[in-house]
Amino acid sequence: MNEKRKKIIQYAMRIVLLIIISFTFGLTVYMWNAKKINNDLMPMPFKIAIGYVKTGSMQPNLNINDLIIVVKTNDYEVDDIIVYQSCGELIVHRIVSINDKTIIT
């Protein structure tokens, strides 16, 4: 491999590394701001988040320490499992009914 090609590869690798570091730093700042400033316990910068189940209230469907993937949506139906924030905690429950714009879990 000639010297010019090596320099081009090194330059490209530095750019890729800079992009990865910048993305990671930006995402970290976003998450910190969402949690500390906006009091959002589950920031969803890409409309998706990962969480886990703390209690057995959703058994047998979800067990304690089950990993859950949460996708942000505006379309809810009865029997959907949702995650919402209440009193400084994230709550995982199933929708049992929807009345107008009120969701009952």
C-alpha atoms as a PDB file:
ATOM      1  CA  MET A   1       0.000   0.000   0.000  1.00  0.00           C
ATOM      2  CA  ASN A   2       1.506   3.318  -0.938  1.00  0.00           C
ATOM      3  CA  GLU A   3       1.996   6.209   1.479  1.00  0.00           C
ATOM      4  CA  LYS A   4      -0.729   8.410  -0.046  1.00  0.00           C
ATOM      5  CA  ARG A   5      -3.346   5.682   0.348  1.00  0.00           C
ATOM      6  CA  LYS A   6      -2.370   5.138   4.000  1.00  0.00           C
ATOM      7  CA  LYS A   7      -2.792   8.858   4.713  1.00  0.00           C
ATOM      8  CA  ILE A   8      -6.226   8.887   3.073  1.00  0.00           C
ATOM      9  CA  ILE A   9      -7.329   5.894   5.178  1.00  0.00           C
ATOM     10  CA  GLN A  10      -5.979   7.500   8.362  1.00  0.00           C
ATOM     11  CA  TYR A  11      -7.760  10.755   7.544  1.00  0.00           C
ATOM     12  CA  ALA A  12     -11.047   8.908   6.876  1.00  0.00           C
ATOM     13  CA  MET A  13     -10.713   6.971  10.134  1.00  0.00           C
ATOM     14  CA  ARG A  14     -10.164  10.215  12.064  1.00  0.00           C
ATOM     15  CA  ILE A  15     -13.290  11.715  10.529  1.00  0.00           C
ATOM     16  CA  VAL A  16     -15.349   8.613  11.394  1.00  0.00           C
ATOM     17  CA  LEU A  17     -13.994   8.671  14.958  1.00  0.00           C
ATOM     18  CA  LEU A  18     -14.804  12.381  15.274  1.00  0.00           C
ATOM     19  CA  ILE A  19     -18.362  11.765  14.072  1.00  0.00           C
ATOM     20  CA  ILE A  20     -18.841   8.910  16.572  1.00  0.00           C
ATOM     21  CA  ILE A  21     -17.439  10.979  19.466  1.00  0.00           C
ATOM     22  CA  SER A  22     -19.572  14.013  18.496  1.00  0.00           C
ATOM     23  CA  PHE A  23     -22.727  11.893  18.234  1.00  0.00           C
ATOM     24  CA  THR A  24     -22.052  10.217  21.586  1.00  0.00           C
ATOM     25  CA  PHE A  25     -21.360  13.552  23.293  1.00  0.00           C
ATOM     26  CA  GLY A  26     -24.458  15.167  21.780  1.00  0.00           C
ATOM     27  CA  LEU A  27     -26.684  12.255  22.782  1.00  0.00           C
ATOM     28  CA  THR A  28     -25.267  12.309  26.314  1.00  0.00           C
ATOM     29  CA  VAL A  29     -25.980  16.040  26.667  1.00  0.00           C
ATOM     30  CA  TYR A  30     -29.501  15.538  25.293  1.00  0.00           C
ATOM     31  CA  MET A  31     -30.237  12.697  27.731  1.00  0.00           C
ATOM     32  CA  TRP A  32     -28.840  14.651  30.687  1.00  0.00           C
ATOM     33  CA  ASN A  33     -30.910  17.726  29.797  1.00  0.00           C
ATOM     34  CA  ALA A  34     -34.066  15.660  29.362  1.00  0.00           C
ATOM     35  CA  LYS A  35     -33.616  13.939  32.715  1.00  0.00           C
ATOM     36  CA  LYS A  36     -32.342  16.815  34.868  1.00  0.00           C
ATOM     37  CA  ILE A  37     -33.959  19.889  33.355  1.00  0.00           C
ATOM     38  CA  ASN A  38     -37.226  18.534  31.937  1.00  0.00           C
ATOM     39  CA  ASN A  39     -37.627  15.789  34.572  1.00  0.00           C
ATOM     40  CA  ASP A  40     -38.207  13.252  31.790  1.00  0.00           C
ATOM     41  CA  LEU A  41     -37.370   9.805  33.171  1.00  0.00           C
ATOM     42  CA  MET A  42     -37.386   8.133  29.743  1.00  0.00           C
ATOM     43  CA  PRO A  43     -35.994  10.447  27.070  1.00  0.00           C
ATOM     44  CA  MET A  44     -36.720   9.151  23.578  1.00  0.00           C
ATOM     45  CA  PRO A  45     -34.529  11.037  21.090  1.00  0.00           C
ATOM     46  CA  PHE A  46     -35.276   8.557  18.303  1.00  0.00           C
ATOM     47  CA  LYS A  47     -38.815   7.694  19.489  1.00  0.00           C
ATOM     48  CA  ILE A  48     -37.493   4.508  21.077  1.00  0.00           C
ATOM     49  CA  ALA A  49     -36.163   3.674  24.541  1.00  0.00           C
ATOM     50  CA  ILE A  50     -35.177   0.688  26.626  1.00  0.00           C
ATOM     51  CA  GLY A  51     -36.351   0.041  30.156  1.00  0.00           C
ATOM     52  CA  TYR A  52     -36.956  -2.764  32.586  1.00  0.00           C
ATOM     53  CA  VAL A  53     -39.834  -3.956  34.736  1.00  0.00           C
ATOM     54  CA  LYS A  54     -39.383  -3.245  38.461  1.00  0.00           C
ATOM     55  CA  THR A  55     -42.397  -5.039  39.941  1.00  0.00           C
ATOM     56  CA  GLY A  56     -44.568  -8.059  39.289  1.00  0.00           C
ATOM     57  CA  SER A  57     -47.747  -6.074  38.571  1.00  0.00           C
ATOM     58  CA  MET A  58     -47.754  -7.149  34.907  1.00  0.00           C
ATOM     59  CA  GLN A  59     -47.224 -10.882  35.490  1.00  0.00           C
ATOM     60  CA  PRO A  60     -47.545 -13.289  33.732  1.00  0.00           C
ATOM     61  CA  ASN A  61     -46.897 -11.150  30.613  1.00  0.00           C
ATOM     62  CA  LEU A  62     -43.962  -9.208  32.060  1.00  0.00           C
ATOM     63  CA  ASN A  63     -41.800 -10.413  34.927  1.00  0.00           C
ATOM     64  CA  ILE A  64     -39.548  -8.498  37.309  1.00  0.00           C
ATOM     65  CA  ASN A  65     -36.342  -7.335  35.540  1.00  0.00           C
ATOM     66  CA  ASP A  66     -37.710  -8.075  32.054  1.00  0.00           C
ATOM     67  CA  LEU A  67     -36.170  -5.784  29.454  1.00  0.00           C
ATOM     68  CA  ILE A  68     -38.728  -3.763  27.497  1.00  0.00           C
ATOM     69  CA  ILE A  69     -38.365  -1.746  24.319  1.00  0.00           C
ATOM     70  CA  VAL A  70     -40.652   1.279  24.314  1.00  0.00           C
ATOM     71  CA  VAL A  71     -41.712   2.913  21.036  1.00  0.00           C
ATOM     72  CA  LYS A  72     -43.319   6.355  21.128  1.00  0.00           C
ATOM     73  CA  THR A  73     -46.719   6.560  19.436  1.00  0.00           C
ATOM     74  CA  ASN A  74     -49.963   8.503  19.485  1.00  0.00           C
ATOM     75  CA  ASP A  75     -52.132   5.521  18.550  1.00  0.00           C
ATOM     76  CA  TYR A  76     -53.397   3.581  21.557  1.00  0.00           C
ATOM     77  CA  GLU A  77     -55.823   0.690  21.742  1.00  0.00           C
ATOM     78  CA  VAL A  78     -57.344  -1.384  24.524  1.00  0.00           C
ATOM     79  CA  ASP A  79     -54.929  -4.163  25.624  1.00  0.00           C
ATOM     80  CA  ASP A  80     -51.824  -2.163  24.611  1.00  0.00           C
ATOM     81  CA  ILE A  81     -49.083  -2.101  27.229  1.00  0.00           C
ATOM     82  CA  ILE A  82     -47.947   1.465  27.843  1.00  0.00           C
ATOM     83  CA  VAL A  83     -45.267   3.251  29.863  1.00  0.00           C
ATOM     84  CA  TYR A  84     -46.020   6.607  31.459  1.00  0.00           C
ATOM     85  CA  GLN A  85     -44.488   8.864  34.068  1.00  0.00           C
ATOM     86  CA  SER A  86     -46.277   9.506  37.355  1.00  0.00           C
ATOM     87  CA  CYS A  87     -44.960  10.961  40.620  1.00  0.00           C
ATOM     88  CA  GLY A  88     -41.347  10.680  39.507  1.00  0.00           C
ATOM     89  CA  GLU A  89     -41.574   7.030  38.458  1.00  0.00           C
ATOM     90  CA  LEU A  90     -42.153   5.177  35.219  1.00  0.00           C
ATOM     91  CA  ILE A  91     -45.270   3.005  35.280  1.00  0.00           C
ATOM     92  CA  VAL A  92     -45.908   0.026  32.982  1.00  0.00           C
ATOM     93  CA  HIS A  93     -49.591  -0.933  32.647  1.00  0.00           C
ATOM     94  CA  ARG A  94     -52.097  -2.361  30.187  1.00  0.00           C
ATOM     95  CA  ILE A  95     -54.886  -0.182  28.767  1.00  0.00           C
ATOM     96  CA  VAL A  96     -58.277  -1.511  29.866  1.00  0.00           C
ATOM     97  CA  SER A  97     -60.429   1.226  28.327  1.00  0.00           C
ATOM     98  CA  ILE A  98     -60.265   4.502  26.447  1.00  0.00           C
ATOM     99  CA  ASN A  99     -62.903   7.185  27.057  1.00  0.00           C
ATOM    100  CA  ASP A 100     -62.579  10.215  24.771  1.00  0.00           C
ATOM    101  CA  LYS A 101     -58.964  11.240  25.459  1.00  0.00           C
ATOM    102  CA  THR A 102     -58.710   9.497  28.834  1.00  0.00           C
ATOM    103  CA  ILE A 103     -56.818   6.223  29.047  1.00  0.00           C
ATOM    104  CA  ILE A 104     -57.728   3.860  31.900  1.00  0.00           C
ATOM    105  CA  THR A 105     -55.061   1.347  32.950  1.00  0.00           C
END
